[in-house]
Structures are given as structure tokens and as C-alpha cells.
Amino acid sequence: MQYVVDGLLIGCVYGLAAMGMSLIWGVMDVINLAHGVLIALGSFGVYLICTSLGLNPYLAVVVAGAVGLLAGMGIYKVAIQRVLNTSSLATLLATFSVNMILVGLGTLAFSTNQRALDVNLGSLTIGSVTVQVTRLIAALASILIAGGLFLFLNHTSPGKFIRAITNNRDAAELVGISSQRMLAFSFGLGCMLAALAGGLIATIFPFTILSGDVYQLKSFVIVVLGGLGNPLGALLGGLILGAMEGILPAFIHTSWVPVFEFILFVIILIVKPTGLFGAKK
């Protein structure tokens, strides 16, 4: 039970990270290969804010998310907008180029040395299960953000505009919706979710500028598992992946866990490519 609980808690954060990739992929049909470095930069953003300004780490996560939103909109304007309607390969190369630039700048600024935040809020013991409070807060924050995203997409005008553009961009423009503005905002929103996930990860684990690659690979698995463009599916997929990571090390060596994760990835692609919870737009 201890393994399961630990896995589910971190799985919520994995799900939050995957939501950003799922949103951009579902709305724009763009695979964001800069997703991992944005997660890492979210971690570094929280680290710098806390160490330089002495701000509470969870308030720093909010600041990192806001910066991620603005940075994502800027990335869209500079690198994505010009190639969006050309080919999938062009958008793939554009996001890969952004990834390499950000990794290079991040390595120059922070090196590849490991950093860690000293966030120790103790633990809670319920029966035979001990839960680290930092993991519990990160999981609850991820669930609240996921709920907020669901409400935003379904019950606000900008959210409905994003869904309209996803379903039929030409028809949305005919009724006065600015597709470019909404697409920029959607990309920024996906980057914001990545930065928020990175900030929460920084309160739990050590990190480097390269550690985002691991979470990007997990996000791919979760997006396919939960269903393309399905934010709720991403959260549930994250829980499944987290539970696997919690349970499997009790029976096999930790180094084998990624192998089983990608075996699951291939099986889902073959058996149910729309994901366990169905793709949504």
C-alpha cells in the first residue's frame, strides 16, 4: 500500500505535466518537443525565486506558471506560427529547435549540476502508510489545476473559443474568433502547465536542466494512455503510470521500470490508439 500511495501521488504530477502536451497536441496537432525543457525551466524558476527572493515555494510555482504562459505565447509567435499550416515535420523541427536553444541557454546559465530545494514539511502517517506532505500538496495542487482547466475549457468564453478552433478553425474564424490569438494562448497554456508541473517537481525531487527529458517521455506515454486531447484522461493516465512506478520496484529492479512503461505504450498504440479514455477535441 505504501508503494501504491507514493506512486499515485507522484502520478498526479505526471498527469499535470502530460496535460500541457495533450492540450497543444489536441488543439494544434503539434508535438511539442520543447515540453521537457519547459518542465525543467519551471523547476529552475521556482528554485531561483525561492533562493533569491525568499518567496514561499508554492507561491513561486504560481509565478513560474505565469512566466510559462507568457513564454509559451512568445515561442508560438516566434517559432510555431510561421510553420503551423505547412507540415507536421516543420512543426516538429520548430519545437525541436526551440528545445535545443533552451537546453543550450539553460546549460550555459545553470550548468548540468543537480539542484534541489530544501522543502521539508514533515509527513503524515495513516495506518501503515506514511505520506510526505510535499508529495501530498503537489498531488492536490495537480488535481485542482486539472479541475480548473476542465472548468476553463468548458465554462468560459476563451475555453469555448479554443474548443471551437480545435473542431473547425475556418468556421470559428467566420463567426469572429481570432484563431491566431487563441492558438497562441493555447500554446501558452500548455507551456504554463509544463512550468507548473516542473515547479511542483522541484519541491519533491532534485533536478537538472536535462531532467525534463525524462518527464517528456513519460508525458508521451501518458498522452497515448489517456487519450489525445483529453486533459482528464491525461490525469488518469498519470495515475496509472505513477501506480506502475510505485508497485513495480517492489518486484523488479528499478532500471526495468521504464522498459515496462514503454511496453505499455506500444501495446496501447496497437490495441487502442485512441487511448483508454478516448481522444477528445
C-alpha atoms as a PDB file:
ATOM      1  CA  MET A   1       0.000   0.000   0.000  1.00  0.00           C
ATOM      2  CA  GLN A   2       2.891   2.366   0.721  1.00  0.00           C
ATOM      3  CA  TYR A   3       4.216   1.834  -2.807  1.00  0.00           C
ATOM      4  CA  VAL A   4       0.778   2.390  -4.334  1.00  0.00           C
ATOM      5  CA  VAL A   5       0.119   5.626  -2.436  1.00  0.00           C
ATOM      6  CA  ASP A   6       3.559   7.067  -3.255  1.00  0.00           C
ATOM      7  CA  GLY A   7       3.080   6.157  -6.906  1.00  0.00           C
ATOM      8  CA  LEU A   8      -0.392   7.681  -7.135  1.00  0.00           C
ATOM      9  CA  LEU A   9       0.743  10.943  -5.548  1.00  0.00           C
ATOM     10  CA  ILE A  10       3.592  11.454  -7.988  1.00  0.00           C
ATOM     11  CA  GLY A  11       1.336  10.185 -10.786  1.00  0.00           C
ATOM     12  CA  CYS A  12      -0.875  13.248 -10.280  1.00  0.00           C
ATOM     13  CA  VAL A  13       2.114  15.478 -11.064  1.00  0.00           C
ATOM     14  CA  TYR A  14       2.968  13.332 -14.098  1.00  0.00           C
ATOM     15  CA  GLY A  15      -0.614  13.813 -15.247  1.00  0.00           C
ATOM     16  CA  LEU A  16      -0.328  17.584 -14.874  1.00  0.00           C
ATOM     17  CA  ALA A  17       2.845  17.596 -16.972  1.00  0.00           C
ATOM     18  CA  ALA A  18       1.164  15.481 -19.647  1.00  0.00           C
ATOM     19  CA  MET A  19      -1.863  17.814 -19.787  1.00  0.00           C
ATOM     20  CA  GLY A  20       0.292  20.540 -21.303  1.00  0.00           C
ATOM     21  CA  MET A  21       1.494  18.234 -24.079  1.00  0.00           C
ATOM     22  CA  SER A  22      -2.007  16.814 -24.593  1.00  0.00           C
ATOM     23  CA  LEU A  23      -3.591  20.268 -24.865  1.00  0.00           C
ATOM     24  CA  ILE A  24      -1.125  21.523 -27.506  1.00  0.00           C
ATOM     25  CA  TRP A  25      -1.231  18.231 -29.413  1.00  0.00           C
ATOM     26  CA  GLY A  26      -5.018  18.081 -29.354  1.00  0.00           C
ATOM     27  CA  VAL A  27      -5.712  21.730 -30.206  1.00  0.00           C
ATOM     28  CA  MET A  28      -2.947  22.407 -32.733  1.00  0.00           C
ATOM     29  CA  ASP A  29      -1.822  18.942 -33.878  1.00  0.00           C
ATOM     30  CA  VAL A  30       1.703  19.943 -32.819  1.00  0.00           C
ATOM     31  CA  ILE A  31       4.052  17.643 -30.914  1.00  0.00           C
ATOM     32  CA  ASN A  32       5.938  19.983 -28.605  1.00  0.00           C
ATOM     33  CA  LEU A  33       9.470  18.609 -28.313  1.00  0.00           C
ATOM     34  CA  ALA A  34      10.371  21.559 -26.064  1.00  0.00           C
ATOM     35  CA  HIS A  35       7.961  20.244 -23.421  1.00  0.00           C
ATOM     36  CA  GLY A  36      10.681  18.622 -21.310  1.00  0.00           C
ATOM     37  CA  VAL A  37      12.969  21.642 -21.117  1.00  0.00           C
ATOM     38  CA  LEU A  38       9.980  23.826 -20.168  1.00  0.00           C
ATOM     39  CA  ILE A  39       9.338  21.476 -17.240  1.00  0.00           C
ATOM     40  CA  ALA A  40      12.997  21.782 -16.225  1.00  0.00           C
ATOM     41  CA  LEU A  41      12.912  25.568 -16.546  1.00  0.00           C
ATOM     42  CA  GLY A  42       9.795  25.606 -14.353  1.00  0.00           C
ATOM     43  CA  SER A  43      11.848  23.796 -11.701  1.00  0.00           C
ATOM     44  CA  PHE A  44      14.714  26.266 -12.044  1.00  0.00           C
ATOM     45  CA  GLY A  45      12.309  29.199 -11.965  1.00  0.00           C
ATOM     46  CA  VAL A  46      10.952  28.099  -8.599  1.00  0.00           C
ATOM     47  CA  TYR A  47      14.473  27.400  -7.347  1.00  0.00           C
ATOM     48  CA  LEU A  48      15.738  30.873  -8.309  1.00  0.00           C
ATOM     49  CA  ILE A  49      12.690  32.670  -6.901  1.00  0.00           C
ATOM     50  CA  CYS A  50      12.982  30.838  -3.584  1.00  0.00           C
ATOM     51  CA  THR A  51      16.741  31.196  -3.186  1.00  0.00           C
ATOM     52  CA  SER A  52      16.977  34.791  -4.445  1.00  0.00           C
ATOM     53  CA  LEU A  53      13.769  36.346  -3.123  1.00  0.00           C
ATOM     54  CA  GLY A  54      12.951  34.017  -0.252  1.00  0.00           C
ATOM     55  CA  LEU A  55       9.413  33.503  -1.559  1.00  0.00           C
ATOM     56  CA  ASN A  56       7.321  30.559  -0.401  1.00  0.00           C
ATOM     57  CA  PRO A  57       7.939  27.696  -2.881  1.00  0.00           C
ATOM     58  CA  TYR A  58       4.252  27.242  -3.673  1.00  0.00           C
ATOM     59  CA  LEU A  59       3.817  30.937  -4.414  1.00  0.00           C
ATOM     60  CA  ALA A  60       6.923  30.638  -6.583  1.00  0.00           C
ATOM     61  CA  VAL A  61       5.177  27.829  -8.512  1.00  0.00           C
ATOM     62  CA  VAL A  62       2.351  30.250  -9.356  1.00  0.00           C
ATOM     63  CA  VAL A  63       4.869  32.841 -10.581  1.00  0.00           C
ATOM     64  CA  ALA A  64       6.660  30.198 -12.672  1.00  0.00           C
ATOM     65  CA  GLY A  65       3.328  29.208 -14.225  1.00  0.00           C
ATOM     66  CA  ALA A  66       2.566  32.817 -15.199  1.00  0.00           C
ATOM     67  CA  VAL A  67       6.018  33.196 -16.768  1.00  0.00           C
ATOM     68  CA  GLY A  68       5.488  29.892 -18.587  1.00  0.00           C
ATOM     69  CA  LEU A  69       2.229  31.215 -20.082  1.00  0.00           C
ATOM     70  CA  LEU A  70       3.912  34.350 -21.436  1.00  0.00           C
ATOM     71  CA  ALA A  71       6.978  32.437 -22.622  1.00  0.00           C
ATOM     72  CA  GLY A  72       4.793  29.904 -24.430  1.00  0.00           C
ATOM     73  CA  MET A  73       2.880  32.626 -26.271  1.00  0.00           C
ATOM     74  CA  GLY A  74       6.204  34.161 -27.289  1.00  0.00           C
ATOM     75  CA  ILE A  75       7.520  30.809 -28.533  1.00  0.00           C
ATOM     76  CA  TYR A  76       4.374  30.362 -30.604  1.00  0.00           C
ATOM     77  CA  LYS A  77       4.717  33.790 -32.210  1.00  0.00           C
ATOM     78  CA  VAL A  78       8.407  33.365 -32.998  1.00  0.00           C
ATOM     79  CA  ALA A  79       8.761  29.687 -33.900  1.00  0.00           C
ATOM     80  CA  ILE A  80       5.391  27.990 -34.444  1.00  0.00           C
ATOM     81  CA  GLN A  81       3.049  30.428 -36.144  1.00  0.00           C
ATOM     82  CA  ARG A  82       5.024  30.615 -39.397  1.00  0.00           C
ATOM     83  CA  VAL A  83       5.122  26.845 -39.925  1.00  0.00           C
ATOM     84  CA  LEU A  84       1.828  25.788 -38.355  1.00  0.00           C
ATOM     85  CA  ASN A  85      -0.020  25.315 -41.646  1.00  0.00           C
ATOM     86  CA  THR A  86       2.865  23.767 -43.590  1.00  0.00           C
ATOM     87  CA  SER A  87       3.590  20.215 -42.417  1.00  0.00           C
ATOM     88  CA  SER A  88       3.895  18.129 -39.277  1.00  0.00           C
ATOM     89  CA  LEU A  89       7.618  17.751 -39.929  1.00  0.00           C
ATOM     90  CA  ALA A  90       8.068  21.538 -39.983  1.00  0.00           C
ATOM     91  CA  THR A  91       6.355  21.999 -36.610  1.00  0.00           C
ATOM     92  CA  LEU A  92       8.320  19.066 -35.203  1.00  0.00           C
ATOM     93  CA  LEU A  93      11.604  20.629 -36.313  1.00  0.00           C
ATOM     94  CA  ALA A  94      10.499  24.039 -34.995  1.00  0.00           C
ATOM     95  CA  THR A  95       9.795  22.736 -31.488  1.00  0.00           C
ATOM     96  CA  PHE A  96      12.982  20.633 -31.591  1.00  0.00           C
ATOM     97  CA  SER A  97      14.957  23.777 -32.445  1.00  0.00           C
ATOM     98  CA  VAL A  98      13.337  25.636 -29.542  1.00  0.00           C
ATOM     99  CA  ASN A  99      14.241  22.698 -27.298  1.00  0.00           C
ATOM    100  CA  MET A 100      17.910  22.775 -28.348  1.00  0.00           C
ATOM    101  CA  ILE A 101      18.120  26.565 -27.908  1.00  0.00           C
ATOM    102  CA  LEU A 102      16.570  26.454 -24.427  1.00  0.00           C
ATOM    103  CA  VAL A 103      18.711  23.493 -23.347  1.00  0.00           C
ATOM    104  CA  GLY A 104      21.824  25.320 -24.562  1.00  0.00           C
ATOM    105  CA  LEU A 105      20.905  28.541 -22.781  1.00  0.00           C
ATOM    106  CA  GLY A 106      19.882  26.627 -19.652  1.00  0.00           C
ATOM    107  CA  THR A 107      23.165  24.694 -19.619  1.00  0.00           C
ATOM    108  CA  LEU A 108      25.098  27.949 -20.062  1.00  0.00           C
ATOM    109  CA  ALA A 109      23.198  29.585 -17.188  1.00  0.00           C
ATOM    110  CA  PHE A 110      22.874  26.691 -14.743  1.00  0.00           C
ATOM    111  CA  SER A 111      25.355  24.032 -15.981  1.00  0.00           C
ATOM    112  CA  THR A 112      24.203  20.414 -15.681  1.00  0.00           C
ATOM    113  CA  ASN A 113      24.816  20.238 -11.935  1.00  0.00           C
ATOM    114  CA  GLN A 114      21.987  18.926  -9.817  1.00  0.00           C
ATOM    115  CA  ARG A 115      19.978  21.412  -7.768  1.00  0.00           C
ATOM    116  CA  ALA A 116      17.433  20.819  -5.003  1.00  0.00           C
ATOM    117  CA  LEU A 117      15.049  22.870  -2.902  1.00  0.00           C
ATOM    118  CA  ASP A 118      15.028  22.346   0.835  1.00  0.00           C
ATOM    119  CA  VAL A 119      11.282  21.886   1.335  1.00  0.00           C
ATOM    120  CA  ASN A 120      10.574  19.716   4.348  1.00  0.00           C
ATOM    121  CA  LEU A 121       7.030  19.817   5.674  1.00  0.00           C
ATOM    122  CA  GLY A 122       7.179  16.523   7.506  1.00  0.00           C
ATOM    123  CA  SER A 123       4.934  13.540   6.935  1.00  0.00           C
ATOM    124  CA  LEU A 124       1.539  12.125   7.811  1.00  0.00           C
ATOM    125  CA  THR A 125       1.016   8.563   8.970  1.00  0.00           C
ATOM    126  CA  ILE A 126      -2.313   6.884   8.308  1.00  0.00           C
ATOM    127  CA  GLY A 127      -2.307   3.279   9.450  1.00  0.00           C
ATOM    128  CA  SER A 128       0.688   1.609   7.848  1.00  0.00           C
ATOM    129  CA  VAL A 129       1.100   4.321   5.186  1.00  0.00           C
ATOM    130  CA  THR A 130       3.388   7.325   5.627  1.00  0.00           C
ATOM    131  CA  VAL A 131       2.828  10.226   3.222  1.00  0.00           C
ATOM    132  CA  GLN A 132       5.309  13.045   2.656  1.00  0.00           C
ATOM    133  CA  VAL A 133       3.388  16.333   2.917  1.00  0.00           C
ATOM    134  CA  THR A 134       5.261  17.808  -0.048  1.00  0.00           C
ATOM    135  CA  ARG A 135       4.027  14.965  -2.264  1.00  0.00           C
ATOM    136  CA  LEU A 136       0.505  15.329  -0.919  1.00  0.00           C
ATOM    137  CA  ILE A 137       0.440  19.077  -1.620  1.00  0.00           C
ATOM    138  CA  ALA A 138       1.862  18.547  -5.129  1.00  0.00           C
ATOM    139  CA  ALA A 139      -0.795  15.908  -5.878  1.00  0.00           C
ATOM    140  CA  LEU A 140      -3.664  18.046  -4.552  1.00  0.00           C
ATOM    141  CA  ALA A 141      -2.377  21.081  -6.472  1.00  0.00           C
ATOM    142  CA  SER A 142      -2.220  18.989  -9.658  1.00  0.00           C
ATOM    143  CA  ILE A 143      -5.809  17.812  -9.185  1.00  0.00           C
ATOM    144  CA  LEU A 144      -7.021  21.380  -8.534  1.00  0.00           C
ATOM    145  CA  ILE A 145      -5.221  22.670 -11.621  1.00  0.00           C
ATOM    146  CA  ALA A 146      -6.724  19.855 -13.694  1.00  0.00           C
ATOM    147  CA  GLY A 147     -10.178  20.748 -12.377  1.00  0.00           C
ATOM    148  CA  GLY A 148      -9.548  24.406 -13.138  1.00  0.00           C
ATOM    149  CA  LEU A 149      -8.511  23.535 -16.695  1.00  0.00           C
ATOM    150  CA  PHE A 150     -11.687  21.488 -17.190  1.00  0.00           C
ATOM    151  CA  LEU A 151     -13.869  24.364 -15.954  1.00  0.00           C
ATOM    152  CA  PHE A 152     -11.939  26.861 -18.079  1.00  0.00           C
ATOM    153  CA  LEU A 153     -12.320  24.855 -21.286  1.00  0.00           C
ATOM    154  CA  ASN A 154     -15.995  24.085 -20.752  1.00  0.00           C
ATOM    155  CA  HIS A 155     -17.455  27.080 -18.939  1.00  0.00           C
ATOM    156  CA  THR A 156     -15.588  30.211 -20.079  1.00  0.00           C
ATOM    157  CA  SER A 157     -15.672  32.068 -23.379  1.00  0.00           C
ATOM    158  CA  PRO A 158     -11.914  31.708 -24.122  1.00  0.00           C
ATOM    159  CA  GLY A 159     -12.162  27.997 -23.349  1.00  0.00           C
ATOM    160  CA  LYS A 160     -15.099  27.599 -25.711  1.00  0.00           C
ATOM    161  CA  PHE A 161     -13.204  29.574 -28.362  1.00  0.00           C
ATOM    162  CA  ILE A 162     -10.282  27.126 -28.029  1.00  0.00           C
ATOM    163  CA  ARG A 163     -12.637  24.161 -28.427  1.00  0.00           C
ATOM    164  CA  ALA A 164     -14.296  25.785 -31.437  1.00  0.00           C
ATOM    165  CA  ILE A 165     -10.934  26.346 -33.151  1.00  0.00           C
ATOM    166  CA  THR A 166      -9.955  22.767 -32.364  1.00  0.00           C
ATOM    167  CA  ASN A 167     -13.096  21.399 -34.014  1.00  0.00           C
ATOM    168  CA  ASN A 168     -13.247  23.690 -37.057  1.00  0.00           C
ATOM    169  CA  ARG A 169     -10.818  26.585 -37.403  1.00  0.00           C
ATOM    170  CA  ASP A 170     -12.396  28.034 -40.562  1.00  0.00           C
ATOM    171  CA  ALA A 171     -15.902  28.046 -39.093  1.00  0.00           C
ATOM    172  CA  ALA A 172     -14.604  29.637 -35.889  1.00  0.00           C
ATOM    173  CA  GLU A 173     -12.974  32.444 -37.859  1.00  0.00           C
ATOM    174  CA  LEU A 174     -16.206  33.024 -39.808  1.00  0.00           C
ATOM    175  CA  VAL A 175     -18.019  33.830 -36.561  1.00  0.00           C
ATOM    176  CA  GLY A 176     -15.329  36.275 -35.447  1.00  0.00           C
ATOM    177  CA  ILE A 177     -12.965  34.168 -33.326  1.00  0.00           C
ATOM    178  CA  SER A 178      -9.311  35.140 -33.788  1.00  0.00           C
ATOM    179  CA  SER A 179      -7.671  31.785 -34.434  1.00  0.00           C
ATOM    180  CA  GLN A 180      -4.092  33.050 -34.174  1.00  0.00           C
ATOM    181  CA  ARG A 181      -4.750  34.717 -30.839  1.00  0.00           C
ATOM    182  CA  MET A 182      -6.444  31.613 -29.445  1.00  0.00           C
ATOM    183  CA  LEU A 183      -3.756  29.287 -30.800  1.00  0.00           C
ATOM    184  CA  ALA A 184      -1.052  31.434 -29.191  1.00  0.00           C
ATOM    185  CA  PHE A 185      -2.975  31.352 -25.933  1.00  0.00           C
ATOM    186  CA  SER A 186      -3.435  27.562 -26.195  1.00  0.00           C
ATOM    187  CA  PHE A 187       0.291  27.038 -26.720  1.00  0.00           C
ATOM    188  CA  GLY A 188       0.999  29.353 -23.788  1.00  0.00           C
ATOM    189  CA  LEU A 189      -1.473  27.421 -21.653  1.00  0.00           C
ATOM    190  CA  GLY A 190       0.275  24.145 -22.472  1.00  0.00           C
ATOM    191  CA  CYS A 191       3.644  25.672 -21.564  1.00  0.00           C
ATOM    192  CA  MET A 192       2.146  27.054 -18.336  1.00  0.00           C
ATOM    193  CA  LEU A 193       1.026  23.546 -17.324  1.00  0.00           C
ATOM    194  CA  ALA A 194       4.542  22.254 -18.039  1.00  0.00           C
ATOM    195  CA  ALA A 195       6.085  25.026 -15.902  1.00  0.00           C
ATOM    196  CA  LEU A 196       3.624  24.384 -13.057  1.00  0.00           C
ATOM    197  CA  ALA A 197       4.451  20.679 -13.129  1.00  0.00           C
ATOM    198  CA  GLY A 198       8.174  21.475 -13.120  1.00  0.00           C
ATOM    199  CA  GLY A 199       7.723  23.806 -10.164  1.00  0.00           C
ATOM    200  CA  LEU A 200       5.888  21.145  -8.177  1.00  0.00           C
ATOM    201  CA  ILE A 201       8.513  18.553  -9.109  1.00  0.00           C
ATOM    202  CA  ALA A 202      11.179  20.895  -7.699  1.00  0.00           C
ATOM    203  CA  THR A 203       9.514  20.697  -4.276  1.00  0.00           C
ATOM    204  CA  ILE A 204       9.879  16.895  -4.302  1.00  0.00           C
ATOM    205  CA  PHE A 205      12.929  15.804  -6.328  1.00  0.00           C
ATOM    206  CA  PRO A 206      16.376  17.152  -7.245  1.00  0.00           C
ATOM    207  CA  PHE A 207      16.631  18.316 -10.850  1.00  0.00           C
ATOM    208  CA  THR A 208      18.988  19.434 -13.620  1.00  0.00           C
ATOM    209  CA  ILE A 209      18.398  21.277 -16.897  1.00  0.00           C
ATOM    210  CA  LEU A 210      18.313  17.853 -18.586  1.00  0.00           C
ATOM    211  CA  SER A 211      15.883  16.175 -16.182  1.00  0.00           C
ATOM    212  CA  GLY A 212      12.889  17.407 -18.189  1.00  0.00           C
ATOM    213  CA  ASP A 213      13.648  14.802 -20.877  1.00  0.00           C
ATOM    214  CA  VAL A 214      12.522  12.042 -18.526  1.00  0.00           C
ATOM    215  CA  TYR A 215       9.212  13.765 -17.846  1.00  0.00           C
ATOM    216  CA  GLN A 216       8.726  14.460 -21.560  1.00  0.00           C
ATOM    217  CA  LEU A 217       8.998  10.738 -22.315  1.00  0.00           C
ATOM    218  CA  LYS A 218       6.554   9.961 -19.520  1.00  0.00           C
ATOM    219  CA  SER A 219       4.198  12.597 -20.948  1.00  0.00           C
ATOM    220  CA  PHE A 220       4.222  10.818 -24.322  1.00  0.00           C
ATOM    221  CA  VAL A 221       3.222   7.558 -22.638  1.00  0.00           C
ATOM    222  CA  ILE A 222       0.512   9.263 -20.570  1.00  0.00           C
ATOM    223  CA  VAL A 223      -0.961  11.175 -23.528  1.00  0.00           C
ATOM    224  CA  VAL A 224      -1.301   7.959 -25.536  1.00  0.00           C
ATOM    225  CA  LEU A 225      -2.572   6.106 -22.479  1.00  0.00           C
ATOM    226  CA  GLY A 226      -5.175   8.698 -21.502  1.00  0.00           C
ATOM    227  CA  GLY A 227      -6.273   9.763 -24.983  1.00  0.00           C
ATOM    228  CA  LEU A 228      -5.090  12.575 -27.227  1.00  0.00           C
ATOM    229  CA  GLY A 229      -6.510  15.975 -26.300  1.00  0.00           C
ATOM    230  CA  ASN A 230      -8.224  14.609 -23.196  1.00  0.00           C
ATOM    231  CA  PRO A 231      -6.980  16.520 -20.103  1.00  0.00           C
ATOM    232  CA  LEU A 232      -8.933  14.323 -17.682  1.00  0.00           C
ATOM    233  CA  GLY A 233      -7.565  11.276 -19.470  1.00  0.00           C
ATOM    234  CA  ALA A 234      -4.044  12.677 -19.002  1.00  0.00           C
ATOM    235  CA  LEU A 235      -4.593  12.903 -15.249  1.00  0.00           C
ATOM    236  CA  LEU A 236      -5.932   9.344 -15.104  1.00  0.00           C
ATOM    237  CA  GLY A 237      -3.095   8.153 -17.326  1.00  0.00           C
ATOM    238  CA  GLY A 238      -0.650   9.800 -14.956  1.00  0.00           C
ATOM    239  CA  LEU A 239      -2.207   7.953 -12.031  1.00  0.00           C
ATOM    240  CA  ILE A 240      -1.836   4.642 -13.864  1.00  0.00           C
ATOM    241  CA  LEU A 241       1.795   5.337 -14.740  1.00  0.00           C
ATOM    242  CA  GLY A 242       2.517   6.529 -11.200  1.00  0.00           C
ATOM    243  CA  ALA A 243       0.941   3.392  -9.722  1.00  0.00           C
ATOM    244  CA  MET A 244       3.122   1.271 -12.013  1.00  0.00           C
ATOM    245  CA  GLU A 245       6.229   3.135 -10.887  1.00  0.00           C
ATOM    246  CA  GLY A 246       5.199   2.637  -7.280  1.00  0.00           C
ATOM    247  CA  ILE A 247       4.376  -1.063  -7.492  1.00  0.00           C
ATOM    248  CA  LEU A 248       6.912  -2.489  -9.970  1.00  0.00           C
ATOM    249  CA  PRO A 249      10.085  -1.660  -7.928  1.00  0.00           C
ATOM    250  CA  ALA A 250       8.715  -3.911  -5.185  1.00  0.00           C
ATOM    251  CA  PHE A 251       9.105  -6.874  -7.560  1.00  0.00           C
ATOM    252  CA  ILE A 252      11.774  -5.937 -10.123  1.00  0.00           C
ATOM    253  CA  HIS A 253      14.862  -3.740 -10.293  1.00  0.00           C
ATOM    254  CA  THR A 254      14.109  -0.039 -10.724  1.00  0.00           C
ATOM    255  CA  SER A 255      16.043   0.117 -14.017  1.00  0.00           C
ATOM    256  CA  TRP A 256      13.436  -2.180 -15.600  1.00  0.00           C
ATOM    257  CA  VAL A 257      10.500   0.132 -14.841  1.00  0.00           C
ATOM    258  CA  PRO A 258      10.897   2.350 -17.955  1.00  0.00           C
ATOM    259  CA  VAL A 259      11.006  -0.807 -20.093  1.00  0.00           C
ATOM    260  CA  PHE A 260       7.568  -1.866 -18.840  1.00  0.00           C
ATOM    261  CA  GLU A 261       6.252   1.682 -19.287  1.00  0.00           C
ATOM    262  CA  PHE A 262       7.197   1.708 -22.965  1.00  0.00           C
ATOM    263  CA  ILE A 263       5.904  -1.820 -23.457  1.00  0.00           C
ATOM    264  CA  LEU A 264       2.578  -0.467 -22.205  1.00  0.00           C
ATOM    265  CA  PHE A 265       2.988   2.482 -24.608  1.00  0.00           C
ATOM    266  CA  VAL A 266       3.389   0.144 -27.608  1.00  0.00           C
ATOM    267  CA  ILE A 267       0.507  -2.106 -26.519  1.00  0.00           C
ATOM    268  CA  ILE A 268      -1.879   0.861 -26.230  1.00  0.00           C
ATOM    269  CA  LEU A 269      -0.801   2.144 -29.663  1.00  0.00           C
ATOM    270  CA  ILE A 270      -1.554  -1.267 -31.184  1.00  0.00           C
ATOM    271  CA  VAL A 271      -4.701  -2.238 -29.292  1.00  0.00           C
ATOM    272  CA  LYS A 272      -6.411   1.112 -28.619  1.00  0.00           C
ATOM    273  CA  PRO A 273      -4.669   4.043 -30.319  1.00  0.00           C
ATOM    274  CA  THR A 274      -7.347   6.478 -29.124  1.00  0.00           C
ATOM    275  CA  GLY A 275      -6.289   5.778 -25.519  1.00  0.00           C
ATOM    276  CA  LEU A 276      -8.000   4.034 -22.642  1.00  0.00           C
ATOM    277  CA  PHE A 277     -10.306   7.001 -22.002  1.00  0.00           C
ATOM    278  CA  GLY A 278     -10.820   8.091 -25.606  1.00  0.00           C
ATOM    279  CA  ALA A 279      -9.423  11.017 -27.544  1.00  0.00           C
ATOM    280  CA  LYS A 280     -11.330  14.285 -27.278  1.00  0.00           C
ATOM    281  CA  LYS A 281     -11.383  17.592 -29.128  1.00  0.00           C
END
